[in-house]
Amino acid sequence: MREAKVRDAQNRLGFVVTLGRRVAGKWGNDAAQRKLREVEEALETARLAREDSFCQGSLSEAERDWLRRARPADARHWNLLTDLDAEHLPYAA
């Protein structure tokens, strides 16, 4: 988490942790869910207001507009431009 904060990547990490927590929930792994919730809560206090993506700025404005409308609630919460959702992870089904 410290390294994520140094690199202003806490929103990306927070989103990935949220996805992991959701996957753990689908698998019924309560211990992993609890631990990931703790990490999520710690990252929440450092959540950035600025918008970010996993694309390092290579998104076109049209892609950005589409992602703003199509992104899942977790991505919106973490101010991340992505359409990735726990449902898209094949091992989470």
N, C-alpha and C. Protein backbone atom coordinates (compact mmCIF):
# COMPACT_ATOMS: atom_id res chain seq x y z
N MET A 1 0.82 -1.19 0.00
CA MET A 1 0.00 0.00 0.00
C MET A 1 0.87 1.26 0.00
N ARG A 2 1.95 1.19 0.72
CA ARG A 2 2.83 2.35 0.77
C ARG A 2 3.35 2.69 -0.63
N GLU A 3 3.77 1.68 -1.37
CA GLU A 3 4.29 1.90 -2.72
C GLU A 3 3.20 2.43 -3.65
N ALA A 4 1.98 1.95 -3.49
CA ALA A 4 0.86 2.45 -4.30
C ALA A 4 0.64 3.93 -4.03
N LYS A 5 0.73 4.33 -2.77
CA LYS A 5 0.54 5.74 -2.43
C LYS A 5 1.66 6.60 -3.00
N VAL A 6 2.88 6.11 -2.94
CA VAL A 6 4.02 6.86 -3.48
C VAL A 6 3.83 7.11 -4.98
N ARG A 7 3.24 6.13 -5.67
CA ARG A 7 3.05 6.22 -7.12
C ARG A 7 1.66 6.74 -7.51
N ASP A 8 0.90 7.22 -6.53
CA ASP A 8 -0.48 7.67 -6.76
C ASP A 8 -1.31 6.61 -7.46
N ALA A 9 -1.14 5.37 -7.06
CA ALA A 9 -1.87 4.25 -7.67
C ALA A 9 -2.84 3.61 -6.68
N GLN A 10 -3.19 4.32 -5.60
CA GLN A 10 -4.06 3.71 -4.60
C GLN A 10 -5.47 3.44 -5.13
N ASN A 11 -5.94 4.22 -6.09
CA ASN A 11 -7.25 3.94 -6.65
C ASN A 11 -7.22 2.64 -7.46
N ARG A 12 -6.18 2.45 -8.22
CA ARG A 12 -6.05 1.19 -8.98
C ARG A 12 -5.98 0.01 -8.03
N LEU A 13 -5.16 0.13 -7.01
CA LEU A 13 -5.02 -0.96 -6.03
C LEU A 13 -6.34 -1.19 -5.30
N GLY A 14 -7.00 -0.12 -4.91
CA GLY A 14 -8.27 -0.26 -4.22
C GLY A 14 -9.30 -0.98 -5.07
N PHE A 15 -9.35 -0.66 -6.35
CA PHE A 15 -10.28 -1.33 -7.26
C PHE A 15 -9.96 -2.82 -7.38
N VAL A 16 -8.69 -3.15 -7.53
CA VAL A 16 -8.28 -4.55 -7.65
C VAL A 16 -8.59 -5.31 -6.36
N VAL A 17 -8.36 -4.68 -5.23
CA VAL A 17 -8.67 -5.31 -3.95
C VAL A 17 -10.18 -5.54 -3.83
N THR A 18 -10.98 -4.57 -4.28
CA THR A 18 -12.43 -4.73 -4.27
C THR A 18 -12.84 -5.92 -5.14
N LEU A 19 -12.26 -6.03 -6.33
CA LEU A 19 -12.55 -7.18 -7.20
C LEU A 19 -12.18 -8.49 -6.49
N GLY A 20 -11.02 -8.50 -5.87
CA GLY A 20 -10.58 -9.69 -5.15
C GLY A 20 -11.53 -10.07 -4.02
N ARG A 21 -12.02 -9.07 -3.31
CA ARG A 21 -12.96 -9.32 -2.22
C ARG A 21 -14.25 -9.91 -2.77
N ARG A 22 -14.70 -9.40 -3.89
CA ARG A 22 -15.93 -9.93 -4.50
C ARG A 22 -15.74 -11.38 -4.97
N VAL A 23 -14.58 -11.67 -5.54
CA VAL A 23 -14.28 -13.04 -5.97
C VAL A 23 -14.22 -13.96 -4.75
N ALA A 24 -13.57 -13.51 -3.69
CA ALA A 24 -13.50 -14.31 -2.46
C ALA A 24 -14.90 -14.60 -1.93
N GLY A 25 -15.80 -13.63 -2.06
CA GLY A 25 -17.17 -13.83 -1.63
C GLY A 25 -17.87 -14.88 -2.46
N LYS A 26 -17.62 -14.88 -3.76
CA LYS A 26 -18.23 -15.90 -4.63
C LYS A 26 -17.74 -17.29 -4.29
N TRP A 27 -16.50 -17.38 -3.87
CA TRP A 27 -15.92 -18.68 -3.51
C TRP A 27 -16.25 -19.05 -2.07
N GLY A 28 -16.86 -18.15 -1.32
CA GLY A 28 -17.20 -18.43 0.07
C GLY A 28 -16.01 -18.39 1.01
N ASN A 29 -14.96 -17.65 0.61
CA ASN A 29 -13.76 -17.56 1.43
C ASN A 29 -13.88 -16.35 2.37
N ASP A 30 -14.48 -16.59 3.52
CA ASP A 30 -14.75 -15.51 4.47
C ASP A 30 -13.48 -14.87 5.01
N ALA A 31 -12.44 -15.66 5.26
CA ALA A 31 -11.19 -15.11 5.80
C ALA A 31 -10.55 -14.15 4.80
N ALA A 32 -10.52 -14.52 3.54
CA ALA A 32 -9.95 -13.64 2.51
C ALA A 32 -10.80 -12.39 2.36
N GLN A 33 -12.11 -12.56 2.41
CA GLN A 33 -13.00 -11.40 2.32
C GLN A 33 -12.74 -10.41 3.44
N ARG A 34 -12.59 -10.91 4.66
CA ARG A 34 -12.33 -10.01 5.81
C ARG A 34 -11.00 -9.27 5.64
N LYS A 35 -9.96 -9.99 5.26
CA LYS A 35 -8.64 -9.36 5.10
C LYS A 35 -8.66 -8.32 3.99
N LEU A 36 -9.30 -8.67 2.87
CA LEU A 36 -9.37 -7.72 1.76
C LEU A 36 -10.21 -6.50 2.13
N ARG A 37 -11.23 -6.68 2.94
CA ARG A 37 -12.04 -5.55 3.40
C ARG A 37 -11.19 -4.61 4.24
N GLU A 38 -10.30 -5.15 5.07
CA GLU A 38 -9.40 -4.31 5.87
C GLU A 38 -8.50 -3.47 4.97
N VAL A 39 -7.95 -4.09 3.95
CA VAL A 39 -7.07 -3.38 3.02
C VAL A 39 -7.87 -2.31 2.28
N GLU A 40 -9.06 -2.68 1.85
CA GLU A 40 -9.95 -1.75 1.15
C GLU A 40 -10.23 -0.51 2.01
N GLU A 41 -10.53 -0.74 3.27
CA GLU A 41 -10.83 0.37 4.18
C GLU A 41 -9.61 1.26 4.39
N ALA A 42 -8.43 0.67 4.47
CA ALA A 42 -7.21 1.47 4.61
C ALA A 42 -6.96 2.31 3.36
N LEU A 43 -7.22 1.74 2.20
CA LEU A 43 -7.03 2.48 0.96
C LEU A 43 -8.10 3.56 0.77
N GLU A 44 -9.26 3.33 1.31
CA GLU A 44 -10.37 4.29 1.19
C GLU A 44 -9.97 5.66 1.72
N THR A 45 -9.20 5.68 2.80
CA THR A 45 -8.81 6.97 3.39
C THR A 45 -7.82 7.71 2.50
N ALA A 46 -7.19 7.01 1.55
CA ALA A 46 -6.22 7.63 0.66
C ALA A 46 -6.73 7.74 -0.78
N ARG A 47 -8.03 7.49 -0.97
CA ARG A 47 -8.61 7.50 -2.32
C ARG A 47 -8.44 8.87 -2.95
N LEU A 48 -8.01 8.87 -4.20
CA LEU A 48 -7.78 10.12 -4.93
C LEU A 48 -9.04 10.55 -5.66
N ALA A 49 -9.24 11.85 -5.78
CA ALA A 49 -10.41 12.38 -6.48
C ALA A 49 -10.21 12.36 -7.99
N ARG A 50 -8.98 12.35 -8.43
CA ARG A 50 -8.73 12.41 -9.88
C ARG A 50 -9.02 11.07 -10.54
N GLU A 51 -9.42 11.17 -11.79
CA GLU A 51 -9.75 9.99 -12.58
C GLU A 51 -8.48 9.30 -13.04
N ASP A 52 -8.52 7.97 -13.10
CA ASP A 52 -7.35 7.19 -13.48
C ASP A 52 -7.81 6.02 -14.34
N SER A 53 -6.86 5.31 -14.93
CA SER A 53 -7.16 4.11 -15.70
C SER A 53 -5.97 3.17 -15.61
N PHE A 54 -6.12 1.98 -16.16
CA PHE A 54 -5.01 1.04 -16.25
C PHE A 54 -4.21 1.28 -17.52
N CYS A 55 -4.62 2.24 -18.34
CA CYS A 55 -4.06 2.43 -19.68
C CYS A 55 -2.94 3.46 -19.76
N GLN A 56 -2.53 4.00 -18.66
CA GLN A 56 -1.44 4.98 -18.65
C GLN A 56 -1.69 6.15 -19.60
N GLY A 57 -2.95 6.59 -19.72
CA GLY A 57 -3.26 7.78 -20.51
C GLY A 57 -3.44 7.53 -21.99
N SER A 58 -3.44 6.28 -22.44
CA SER A 58 -3.55 6.01 -23.87
C SER A 58 -4.99 5.92 -24.36
N LEU A 59 -5.96 6.19 -23.51
CA LEU A 59 -7.36 6.14 -23.93
C LEU A 59 -7.72 7.38 -24.74
N SER A 60 -8.48 7.18 -25.80
CA SER A 60 -8.99 8.32 -26.55
C SER A 60 -10.12 8.96 -25.76
N GLU A 61 -10.50 10.16 -26.13
CA GLU A 61 -11.59 10.83 -25.42
C GLU A 61 -12.91 10.07 -25.61
N ALA A 62 -13.12 9.49 -26.77
CA ALA A 62 -14.33 8.69 -27.00
C ALA A 62 -14.35 7.47 -26.07
N GLU A 63 -13.21 6.81 -25.91
CA GLU A 63 -13.13 5.67 -24.99
C GLU A 63 -13.39 6.10 -23.55
N ARG A 64 -12.81 7.23 -23.19
CA ARG A 64 -13.02 7.75 -21.84
C ARG A 64 -14.51 8.04 -21.59
N ASP A 65 -15.16 8.68 -22.55
CA ASP A 65 -16.59 8.98 -22.41
C ASP A 65 -17.40 7.71 -22.27
N TRP A 66 -17.11 6.69 -23.09
CA TRP A 66 -17.85 5.44 -23.03
C TRP A 66 -17.63 4.76 -21.68
N LEU A 67 -16.39 4.73 -21.21
CA LEU A 67 -16.10 4.09 -19.93
C LEU A 67 -16.76 4.82 -18.76
N ARG A 68 -16.84 6.13 -18.84
CA ARG A 68 -17.53 6.87 -17.78
C ARG A 68 -18.98 6.43 -17.66
N ARG A 69 -19.60 6.13 -18.79
CA ARG A 69 -21.00 5.69 -18.78
C ARG A 69 -21.14 4.20 -18.48
N ALA A 70 -20.20 3.37 -18.92
CA ALA A 70 -20.35 1.90 -18.85
C ALA A 70 -19.65 1.24 -17.67
N ARG A 71 -18.83 1.96 -16.96
CA ARG A 71 -18.07 1.32 -15.89
C ARG A 71 -18.97 0.86 -14.76
N PRO A 72 -18.55 -0.22 -14.10
CA PRO A 72 -19.34 -0.71 -12.96
C PRO A 72 -19.22 0.24 -11.77
N ALA A 73 -20.11 0.06 -10.81
CA ALA A 73 -20.15 0.95 -9.64
C ALA A 73 -18.82 0.98 -8.88
N ASP A 74 -18.16 -0.18 -8.76
CA ASP A 74 -16.88 -0.21 -8.05
C ASP A 74 -15.83 0.65 -8.75
N ALA A 75 -15.79 0.60 -10.07
CA ALA A 75 -14.84 1.42 -10.82
C ALA A 75 -15.18 2.90 -10.65
N ARG A 76 -16.46 3.21 -10.66
CA ARG A 76 -16.88 4.60 -10.46
C ARG A 76 -16.44 5.08 -9.07
N HIS A 77 -16.65 4.23 -8.06
CA HIS A 77 -16.27 4.59 -6.70
C HIS A 77 -14.78 4.89 -6.59
N TRP A 78 -13.96 4.08 -7.27
CA TRP A 78 -12.51 4.27 -7.20
C TRP A 78 -11.99 5.24 -8.27
N ASN A 79 -12.91 5.94 -8.96
CA ASN A 79 -12.55 6.93 -9.99
C ASN A 79 -11.66 6.32 -11.06
N LEU A 80 -11.99 5.10 -11.46
CA LEU A 80 -11.19 4.37 -12.44
C LEU A 80 -11.99 4.16 -13.71
N LEU A 81 -11.34 4.42 -14.84
CA LEU A 81 -11.97 4.20 -16.14
C LEU A 81 -11.64 2.78 -16.60
N THR A 82 -12.57 1.87 -16.35
CA THR A 82 -12.44 0.49 -16.76
C THR A 82 -13.83 -0.12 -16.77
N ASP A 83 -14.02 -1.13 -17.62
CA ASP A 83 -15.29 -1.85 -17.60
C ASP A 83 -15.13 -3.21 -16.94
N LEU A 84 -13.98 -3.47 -16.36
CA LEU A 84 -13.72 -4.74 -15.69
C LEU A 84 -14.63 -4.89 -14.47
N ASP A 85 -15.16 -6.08 -14.31
CA ASP A 85 -16.02 -6.40 -13.18
C ASP A 85 -15.71 -7.82 -12.73
N ALA A 86 -16.00 -8.14 -11.50
CA ALA A 86 -15.72 -9.48 -10.97
C ALA A 86 -16.37 -10.56 -11.82
N GLU A 87 -17.49 -10.25 -12.42
CA GLU A 87 -18.20 -11.22 -13.28
C GLU A 87 -17.39 -11.58 -14.53
N HIS A 88 -16.46 -10.72 -14.91
CA HIS A 88 -15.65 -10.95 -16.11
C HIS A 88 -14.45 -11.86 -15.85
N LEU A 89 -14.21 -12.18 -14.61
CA LEU A 89 -13.05 -13.00 -14.27
C LEU A 89 -13.46 -14.47 -14.34
N PRO A 90 -12.92 -15.23 -15.27
CA PRO A 90 -13.40 -16.60 -15.52
C PRO A 90 -13.30 -17.53 -14.31
N TYR A 91 -12.32 -17.35 -13.47
CA TYR A 91 -12.17 -18.23 -12.32
C TYR A 91 -13.13 -17.84 -11.19
N ALA A 92 -13.82 -16.73 -11.34
CA ALA A 92 -14.72 -16.26 -10.30
C ALA A 92 -16.15 -16.79 -10.49
N ALA A 93 -16.40 -17.38 -11.64
CA ALA A 93 -17.77 -17.82 -11.94
C ALA A 93 -18.18 -19.01 -11.10
